[in-house]
Amino acid sequence: MSKPIPRSILFCCDHNSVRSPMAEGLMKKIYGRAAYVQSAGVRHDREVDGFAIAVCNEIGVELVRHRCRSFEEMQDWGDHLGSFDLVVALSPTSQRLAMDMARTAALEVEYWPISDPVGQADGREATLALYRAARDQIRNRMIERFGPPAEG
């Protein structure tokens, strides 16, 4: 059963290079400006993944300009965790960090267990298939949680 879309949502994962940028891009594409949406990672030690860019381009979601950032950088840049109504963790590590941070902020944390496609397949086509599966898991979970896509 879907719930109303919160005013602000933070998607998070381990590196902010695959799952959380996909979720941020998908949310903006599917629901437009229904919510303020950002993403972050536990660490920032990578750039946005090329396979993530490719599979999102297939459905009209642009990630090439995404700037990866950690929770710490996010706060340094002015997006404080307490300003979000909902944090959606896409990995166990990010869930633990979000829950720790939520102890001092009035926000809701949800865990969506999305498979990490990085390094899980050999060959380009097999790798793309895993990235598409992760993208589609996120999209399906999003529609289940927030309802059908916005019109237009």
N, C-alpha and C. Protein backbone atom coordinates (compact mmCIF):
# COMPACT_ATOMS: atom_id res chain seq x y z
N MET A 1 0.85 -1.18 0.00
CA MET A 1 0.00 0.00 0.00
C MET A 1 0.89 1.23 0.00
N SER A 2 0.61 2.14 -0.90
CA SER A 2 1.43 3.34 -0.99
C SER A 2 1.08 4.34 0.11
N LYS A 3 2.07 5.16 0.45
CA LYS A 3 1.91 6.23 1.43
C LYS A 3 2.17 7.54 0.71
N PRO A 4 1.74 8.65 1.27
CA PRO A 4 2.00 9.94 0.62
C PRO A 4 3.50 10.19 0.47
N ILE A 5 3.84 10.96 -0.54
CA ILE A 5 5.24 11.31 -0.78
C ILE A 5 5.65 12.38 0.23
N PRO A 6 6.70 12.13 1.00
CA PRO A 6 7.18 13.14 1.95
C PRO A 6 7.70 14.37 1.20
N ARG A 7 7.84 15.48 1.91
CA ARG A 7 8.34 16.72 1.29
C ARG A 7 9.80 16.61 0.88
N SER A 8 10.60 15.82 1.62
CA SER A 8 12.02 15.70 1.30
C SER A 8 12.50 14.28 1.59
N ILE A 9 13.30 13.76 0.65
CA ILE A 9 13.76 12.37 0.73
C ILE A 9 15.26 12.32 0.44
N LEU A 10 15.96 11.55 1.25
CA LEU A 10 17.37 11.28 1.02
C LEU A 10 17.53 9.79 0.77
N PHE A 11 18.09 9.43 -0.39
CA PHE A 11 18.43 8.05 -0.69
C PHE A 11 19.90 7.86 -0.38
N CYS A 12 20.25 6.74 0.25
CA CYS A 12 21.65 6.52 0.59
C CYS A 12 22.07 5.07 0.36
N CYS A 13 23.35 4.91 0.06
CA CYS A 13 23.95 3.59 -0.09
C CYS A 13 25.41 3.68 0.34
N ASP A 14 26.23 2.78 -0.10
CA ASP A 14 27.60 2.74 0.40
C ASP A 14 28.50 3.84 -0.17
N HIS A 15 28.45 4.06 -1.50
CA HIS A 15 29.39 4.98 -2.15
C HIS A 15 28.73 6.13 -2.90
N ASN A 16 27.43 6.15 -3.01
CA ASN A 16 26.71 7.16 -3.78
C ASN A 16 27.18 7.17 -5.24
N SER A 17 27.41 5.95 -5.76
CA SER A 17 27.87 5.86 -7.15
C SER A 17 26.98 4.98 -8.03
N VAL A 18 26.10 4.16 -7.42
CA VAL A 18 25.23 3.29 -8.20
C VAL A 18 23.78 3.40 -7.73
N ARG A 19 23.46 2.75 -6.61
CA ARG A 19 22.06 2.63 -6.20
C ARG A 19 21.42 3.95 -5.80
N SER A 20 22.04 4.72 -4.95
CA SER A 20 21.39 5.97 -4.50
C SER A 20 21.29 7.01 -5.61
N PRO A 21 22.29 7.17 -6.52
CA PRO A 21 22.05 8.09 -7.64
C PRO A 21 20.92 7.61 -8.55
N MET A 22 20.84 6.28 -8.75
CA MET A 22 19.73 5.74 -9.55
C MET A 22 18.40 6.12 -8.89
N ALA A 23 18.31 5.93 -7.58
CA ALA A 23 17.06 6.22 -6.87
C ALA A 23 16.74 7.71 -6.95
N GLU A 24 17.72 8.56 -6.76
CA GLU A 24 17.49 10.00 -6.86
C GLU A 24 16.98 10.37 -8.25
N GLY A 25 17.66 9.87 -9.28
CA GLY A 25 17.24 10.16 -10.66
C GLY A 25 15.87 9.62 -10.99
N LEU A 26 15.59 8.39 -10.57
CA LEU A 26 14.28 7.79 -10.81
C LEU A 26 13.17 8.57 -10.11
N MET A 27 13.41 8.95 -8.86
CA MET A 27 12.39 9.70 -8.11
C MET A 27 12.05 10.99 -8.82
N LYS A 28 13.07 11.70 -9.27
CA LYS A 28 12.85 12.97 -9.97
C LYS A 28 12.13 12.75 -11.30
N LYS A 29 12.49 11.68 -12.02
CA LYS A 29 11.85 11.38 -13.31
C LYS A 29 10.40 10.95 -13.12
N ILE A 30 10.14 10.08 -12.15
CA ILE A 30 8.80 9.52 -11.97
C ILE A 30 7.84 10.50 -11.30
N TYR A 31 8.33 11.24 -10.29
CA TYR A 31 7.43 12.07 -9.48
C TYR A 31 7.67 13.56 -9.63
N GLY A 32 8.59 13.94 -10.49
CA GLY A 32 8.82 15.37 -10.74
C GLY A 32 9.25 16.10 -9.48
N ARG A 33 8.59 17.20 -9.22
CA ARG A 33 8.93 18.05 -8.08
C ARG A 33 8.05 17.80 -6.86
N ALA A 34 7.52 16.60 -6.76
CA ALA A 34 6.66 16.26 -5.62
C ALA A 34 7.42 16.31 -4.30
N ALA A 35 8.74 16.13 -4.37
CA ALA A 35 9.57 16.14 -3.15
C ALA A 35 10.95 16.68 -3.50
N TYR A 36 11.62 17.24 -2.51
CA TYR A 36 13.03 17.58 -2.63
C TYR A 36 13.78 16.28 -2.44
N VAL A 37 14.65 15.91 -3.38
CA VAL A 37 15.31 14.61 -3.37
C VAL A 37 16.82 14.79 -3.53
N GLN A 38 17.56 14.10 -2.67
CA GLN A 38 19.02 14.07 -2.76
C GLN A 38 19.49 12.65 -2.49
N SER A 39 20.79 12.42 -2.67
CA SER A 39 21.37 11.13 -2.35
C SER A 39 22.76 11.32 -1.77
N ALA A 40 23.19 10.32 -1.01
CA ALA A 40 24.51 10.36 -0.39
C ALA A 40 24.99 8.93 -0.13
N GLY A 41 26.26 8.81 0.18
CA GLY A 41 26.84 7.52 0.50
C GLY A 41 27.54 7.56 1.84
N VAL A 42 27.77 6.39 2.39
CA VAL A 42 28.53 6.30 3.63
C VAL A 42 29.93 6.86 3.39
N ARG A 43 30.50 6.51 2.23
CA ARG A 43 31.81 7.01 1.82
C ARG A 43 31.69 7.66 0.45
N HIS A 44 32.63 8.54 0.14
CA HIS A 44 32.75 9.11 -1.21
C HIS A 44 34.16 8.80 -1.68
N ASP A 45 34.30 7.64 -2.30
CA ASP A 45 35.60 7.24 -2.80
C ASP A 45 35.51 6.75 -4.24
N ARG A 46 34.41 7.07 -4.90
CA ARG A 46 34.19 6.70 -6.30
C ARG A 46 33.44 7.82 -7.00
N GLU A 47 33.39 7.73 -8.31
CA GLU A 47 32.54 8.61 -9.11
C GLU A 47 31.33 7.80 -9.55
N VAL A 48 30.34 8.48 -10.13
CA VAL A 48 29.15 7.77 -10.57
C VAL A 48 29.56 6.68 -11.58
N ASP A 49 29.01 5.52 -11.41
CA ASP A 49 29.37 4.33 -12.17
C ASP A 49 28.86 4.41 -13.61
N GLY A 50 29.71 4.06 -14.56
CA GLY A 50 29.35 4.12 -15.98
C GLY A 50 28.20 3.20 -16.36
N PHE A 51 28.13 2.04 -15.74
CA PHE A 51 27.01 1.13 -16.02
C PHE A 51 25.70 1.70 -15.48
N ALA A 52 25.76 2.36 -14.33
CA ALA A 52 24.56 3.01 -13.78
C ALA A 52 24.09 4.11 -14.73
N ILE A 53 25.03 4.89 -15.25
CA ILE A 53 24.69 5.93 -16.23
C ILE A 53 24.02 5.31 -17.44
N ALA A 54 24.60 4.23 -17.95
CA ALA A 54 24.08 3.59 -19.17
C ALA A 54 22.66 3.05 -18.99
N VAL A 55 22.40 2.31 -17.90
CA VAL A 55 21.07 1.72 -17.76
C VAL A 55 20.02 2.76 -17.42
N CYS A 56 20.42 3.85 -16.79
CA CYS A 56 19.45 4.92 -16.54
C CYS A 56 19.17 5.71 -17.80
N ASN A 57 20.18 5.90 -18.65
CA ASN A 57 19.95 6.57 -19.94
C ASN A 57 18.91 5.83 -20.77
N GLU A 58 18.89 4.49 -20.66
CA GLU A 58 17.93 3.68 -21.41
C GLU A 58 16.48 4.07 -21.14
N ILE A 59 16.21 4.61 -19.95
CA ILE A 59 14.84 4.96 -19.59
C ILE A 59 14.67 6.47 -19.38
N GLY A 60 15.61 7.24 -19.90
CA GLY A 60 15.49 8.69 -19.85
C GLY A 60 15.86 9.34 -18.54
N VAL A 61 16.66 8.67 -17.72
CA VAL A 61 17.13 9.23 -16.46
C VAL A 61 18.61 9.58 -16.63
N GLU A 62 18.94 10.85 -16.48
CA GLU A 62 20.30 11.33 -16.73
C GLU A 62 21.09 11.37 -15.43
N LEU A 63 22.22 10.63 -15.38
CA LEU A 63 23.06 10.61 -14.19
C LEU A 63 24.47 11.16 -14.44
N VAL A 64 24.79 11.49 -15.68
CA VAL A 64 26.17 11.85 -16.01
C VAL A 64 26.68 13.06 -15.22
N ARG A 65 25.80 13.94 -14.83
CA ARG A 65 26.21 15.13 -14.06
C ARG A 65 26.12 14.95 -12.55
N HIS A 66 25.76 13.74 -12.12
CA HIS A 66 25.64 13.49 -10.68
C HIS A 66 27.00 13.63 -10.00
N ARG A 67 27.02 14.31 -8.88
CA ARG A 67 28.23 14.45 -8.08
C ARG A 67 28.10 13.58 -6.84
N CYS A 68 28.94 12.57 -6.75
CA CYS A 68 28.91 11.67 -5.59
C CYS A 68 29.34 12.43 -4.34
N ARG A 69 28.68 12.09 -3.23
CA ARG A 69 29.03 12.72 -1.97
C ARG A 69 28.70 11.80 -0.81
N SER A 70 29.43 12.01 0.28
CA SER A 70 29.20 11.24 1.49
C SER A 70 28.20 11.98 2.37
N PHE A 71 27.75 11.33 3.42
CA PHE A 71 26.89 12.00 4.40
C PHE A 71 27.59 13.24 4.94
N GLU A 72 28.87 13.11 5.24
CA GLU A 72 29.64 14.22 5.80
C GLU A 72 29.71 15.39 4.82
N GLU A 73 30.01 15.10 3.55
CA GLU A 73 30.05 16.16 2.54
C GLU A 73 28.67 16.80 2.35
N MET A 74 27.65 15.97 2.37
CA MET A 74 26.28 16.48 2.23
C MET A 74 26.01 17.53 3.30
N GLN A 75 26.37 17.23 4.53
CA GLN A 75 26.15 18.18 5.61
C GLN A 75 27.04 19.40 5.46
N ASP A 76 28.28 19.21 5.00
CA ASP A 76 29.18 20.35 4.75
C ASP A 76 28.61 21.29 3.70
N TRP A 77 27.86 20.73 2.75
CA TRP A 77 27.29 21.52 1.66
C TRP A 77 25.92 22.09 2.01
N GLY A 78 25.46 21.87 3.23
CA GLY A 78 24.23 22.50 3.69
C GLY A 78 22.98 21.66 3.73
N ASP A 79 23.04 20.40 3.31
CA ASP A 79 21.88 19.50 3.39
C ASP A 79 22.03 18.66 4.65
N HIS A 80 21.48 19.11 5.73
CA HIS A 80 21.61 18.40 7.00
C HIS A 80 20.58 17.28 7.08
N LEU A 81 20.98 16.16 7.63
CA LEU A 81 20.12 14.99 7.71
C LEU A 81 18.78 15.33 8.36
N GLY A 82 18.79 16.16 9.38
CA GLY A 82 17.56 16.52 10.07
C GLY A 82 16.57 17.29 9.23
N SER A 83 17.00 17.78 8.06
CA SER A 83 16.08 18.52 7.19
C SER A 83 15.27 17.60 6.28
N PHE A 84 15.56 16.30 6.29
CA PHE A 84 14.83 15.36 5.45
C PHE A 84 13.72 14.69 6.25
N ASP A 85 12.58 14.49 5.61
CA ASP A 85 11.45 13.80 6.25
C ASP A 85 11.63 12.28 6.21
N LEU A 86 12.31 11.79 5.16
CA LEU A 86 12.49 10.36 4.98
C LEU A 86 13.89 10.08 4.46
N VAL A 87 14.55 9.11 5.06
CA VAL A 87 15.82 8.60 4.55
C VAL A 87 15.56 7.17 4.12
N VAL A 88 15.88 6.86 2.85
CA VAL A 88 15.73 5.51 2.33
C VAL A 88 17.13 4.93 2.14
N ALA A 89 17.45 3.95 2.96
CA ALA A 89 18.74 3.27 2.90
C ALA A 89 18.63 2.09 1.94
N LEU A 90 19.59 1.99 1.03
CA LEU A 90 19.57 0.95 0.01
C LEU A 90 20.64 -0.12 0.25
N SER A 91 21.34 -0.01 1.37
CA SER A 91 22.35 -1.01 1.74
C SER A 91 22.36 -1.13 3.26
N PRO A 92 22.78 -2.28 3.78
CA PRO A 92 22.83 -2.45 5.24
C PRO A 92 23.73 -1.43 5.93
N THR A 93 24.88 -1.12 5.33
CA THR A 93 25.81 -0.15 5.94
C THR A 93 25.19 1.23 6.03
N SER A 94 24.53 1.65 4.96
CA SER A 94 23.90 2.98 4.99
C SER A 94 22.70 2.99 5.94
N GLN A 95 22.02 1.86 6.08
CA GLN A 95 20.91 1.79 7.03
C GLN A 95 21.42 2.00 8.46
N ARG A 96 22.52 1.33 8.81
CA ARG A 96 23.07 1.49 10.15
C ARG A 96 23.46 2.95 10.42
N LEU A 97 24.14 3.57 9.46
CA LEU A 97 24.55 4.97 9.64
C LEU A 97 23.34 5.88 9.75
N ALA A 98 22.34 5.67 8.89
CA ALA A 98 21.13 6.50 8.93
C ALA A 98 20.40 6.34 10.27
N MET A 99 20.32 5.11 10.77
CA MET A 99 19.65 4.89 12.06
C MET A 99 20.41 5.57 13.20
N ASP A 100 21.74 5.51 13.15
CA ASP A 100 22.55 6.20 14.16
C ASP A 100 22.31 7.71 14.11
N MET A 101 22.29 8.27 12.91
CA MET A 101 22.10 9.71 12.74
C MET A 101 20.68 10.12 13.09
N ALA A 102 19.72 9.22 12.88
CA ALA A 102 18.31 9.55 13.14
C ALA A 102 18.00 9.65 14.63
N ARG A 103 18.88 9.16 15.46
CA ARG A 103 18.64 9.25 16.90
C ARG A 103 18.56 10.69 17.38
N THR A 104 19.19 11.60 16.65
CA THR A 104 19.18 13.01 17.05
C THR A 104 18.33 13.87 16.11
N ALA A 105 17.62 13.25 15.18
CA ALA A 105 16.79 13.99 14.24
C ALA A 105 15.42 13.33 14.13
N ALA A 106 14.40 14.14 13.93
CA ALA A 106 13.03 13.61 13.79
C ALA A 106 12.79 13.26 12.33
N LEU A 107 13.19 12.05 11.96
CA LEU A 107 12.98 11.62 10.58
C LEU A 107 12.71 10.13 10.55
N GLU A 108 12.13 9.71 9.47
CA GLU A 108 11.80 8.30 9.28
C GLU A 108 12.90 7.67 8.44
N VAL A 109 13.32 6.46 8.78
CA VAL A 109 14.30 5.72 8.00
C VAL A 109 13.65 4.43 7.53
N GLU A 110 13.76 4.18 6.23
CA GLU A 110 13.28 2.92 5.65
C GLU A 110 14.46 2.21 5.01
N TYR A 111 14.42 0.89 5.04
CA TYR A 111 15.45 0.09 4.39
C TYR A 111 14.83 -0.64 3.21
N TRP A 112 15.37 -0.39 2.03
CA TRP A 112 14.98 -1.11 0.82
C TRP A 112 16.17 -1.96 0.42
N PRO A 113 16.13 -3.27 0.59
CA PRO A 113 17.29 -4.12 0.26
C PRO A 113 17.45 -4.28 -1.25
N ILE A 114 18.24 -3.43 -1.84
CA ILE A 114 18.49 -3.45 -3.29
C ILE A 114 19.84 -4.11 -3.55
N SER A 115 19.86 -5.08 -4.43
CA SER A 115 21.10 -5.80 -4.75
C SER A 115 22.15 -4.87 -5.32
N ASP A 116 23.39 -5.02 -4.86
CA ASP A 116 24.52 -4.25 -5.38
C ASP A 116 25.07 -4.98 -6.60
N PRO A 117 24.98 -4.37 -7.80
CA PRO A 117 25.43 -5.07 -9.01
C PRO A 117 26.94 -4.99 -9.26
N VAL A 118 27.66 -4.19 -8.51
CA VAL A 118 29.07 -3.95 -8.78
C VAL A 118 29.90 -5.22 -8.61
N GLY A 119 30.62 -5.57 -9.66
CA GLY A 119 31.54 -6.71 -9.60
C GLY A 119 30.90 -8.07 -9.48
N GLN A 120 29.62 -8.17 -9.79
CA GLN A 120 28.91 -9.44 -9.60
C GLN A 120 28.79 -10.29 -10.86
N ALA A 121 29.27 -9.77 -12.02
CA ALA A 121 29.12 -10.53 -13.26
C ALA A 121 30.36 -10.34 -14.13
N ASP A 122 30.55 -11.28 -15.04
CA ASP A 122 31.62 -11.18 -16.03
C ASP A 122 31.01 -10.83 -17.37
N GLY A 123 31.62 -9.90 -18.06
CA GLY A 123 31.15 -9.50 -19.38
C GLY A 123 30.17 -8.35 -19.32
N ARG A 124 30.18 -7.57 -20.38
CA ARG A 124 29.37 -6.36 -20.44
C ARG A 124 27.87 -6.64 -20.36
N GLU A 125 27.37 -7.60 -21.14
CA GLU A 125 25.93 -7.85 -21.16
C GLU A 125 25.42 -8.39 -19.83
N ALA A 126 26.18 -9.28 -19.21
CA ALA A 126 25.78 -9.81 -17.91
C ALA A 126 25.79 -8.72 -16.85
N THR A 127 26.79 -7.84 -16.93
CA THR A 127 26.89 -6.73 -15.98
C THR A 127 25.72 -5.77 -16.17
N LEU A 128 25.43 -5.42 -17.42
CA LEU A 128 24.29 -4.53 -17.69
C LEU A 128 22.99 -5.14 -17.19
N ALA A 129 22.83 -6.45 -17.33
CA ALA A 129 21.60 -7.11 -16.86
C ALA A 129 21.44 -6.94 -15.35
N LEU A 130 22.54 -7.05 -14.59
CA LEU A 130 22.46 -6.88 -13.14
C LEU A 130 22.15 -5.43 -12.76
N TYR A 131 22.72 -4.49 -13.48
CA TYR A 131 22.43 -3.07 -13.22
C TYR A 131 20.98 -2.74 -13.55
N ARG A 132 20.48 -3.32 -14.64
CA ARG A 132 19.06 -3.12 -14.98
C ARG A 132 18.16 -3.70 -13.90
N ALA A 133 18.54 -4.86 -13.37
CA ALA A 133 17.75 -5.49 -12.31
C ALA A 133 17.72 -4.59 -11.07
N ALA A 134 18.86 -4.01 -10.70
CA ALA A 134 18.89 -3.11 -9.54
C ALA A 134 18.04 -1.87 -9.81
N ARG A 135 18.18 -1.30 -11.00
CA ARG A 135 17.38 -0.13 -11.39
C ARG A 135 15.89 -0.45 -11.29
N ASP A 136 15.50 -1.60 -11.81
CA ASP A 136 14.08 -1.98 -11.81
C ASP A 136 13.58 -2.30 -10.40
N GLN A 137 14.44 -2.89 -9.56
CA GLN A 137 14.07 -3.11 -8.15
C GLN A 137 13.74 -1.77 -7.48
N ILE A 138 14.59 -0.79 -7.71
CA ILE A 138 14.38 0.53 -7.11
C ILE A 138 13.08 1.13 -7.62
N ARG A 139 12.88 1.10 -8.93
CA ARG A 139 11.67 1.68 -9.53
C ARG A 139 10.42 1.00 -8.98
N ASN A 140 10.42 -0.32 -8.93
CA ASN A 140 9.25 -1.06 -8.44
C ASN A 140 8.97 -0.75 -6.97
N ARG A 141 10.01 -0.69 -6.17
CA ARG A 141 9.84 -0.38 -4.74
C ARG A 141 9.31 1.04 -4.56
N MET A 142 9.81 1.95 -5.40
CA MET A 142 9.38 3.34 -5.34
C MET A 142 7.88 3.47 -5.65
N ILE A 143 7.44 2.80 -6.69
CA ILE A 143 6.02 2.86 -7.08
C ILE A 143 5.16 2.18 -6.01
N GLU A 144 5.65 1.09 -5.44
CA GLU A 144 4.93 0.43 -4.35
C GLU A 144 4.79 1.37 -3.15
N ARG A 145 5.84 2.11 -2.86
CA ARG A 145 5.86 2.99 -1.68
C ARG A 145 5.12 4.31 -1.90
N PHE A 146 5.32 4.92 -3.09
CA PHE A 146 4.80 6.27 -3.33
C PHE A 146 3.62 6.34 -4.28
N GLY A 147 3.23 5.21 -4.88
CA GLY A 147 2.09 5.19 -5.78
C GLY A 147 2.49 5.34 -7.24
N PRO A 148 1.48 5.36 -8.13
CA PRO A 148 1.75 5.42 -9.55
C PRO A 148 2.51 6.70 -9.95
N PRO A 149 3.24 6.63 -11.07
CA PRO A 149 3.97 7.81 -11.53
C PRO A 149 3.07 9.02 -11.74
N ALA A 150 3.68 10.20 -11.61
CA ALA A 150 2.95 11.46 -11.83
C ALA A 150 2.53 11.54 -13.29
N GLU A 151 1.42 12.20 -13.52
CA GLU A 151 0.94 12.39 -14.89
C GLU A 151 1.82 13.40 -15.61
N GLY A 152 1.92 13.23 -16.94
CA GLY A 152 2.65 14.21 -17.75
C GLY A 152 3.96 13.77 -18.01
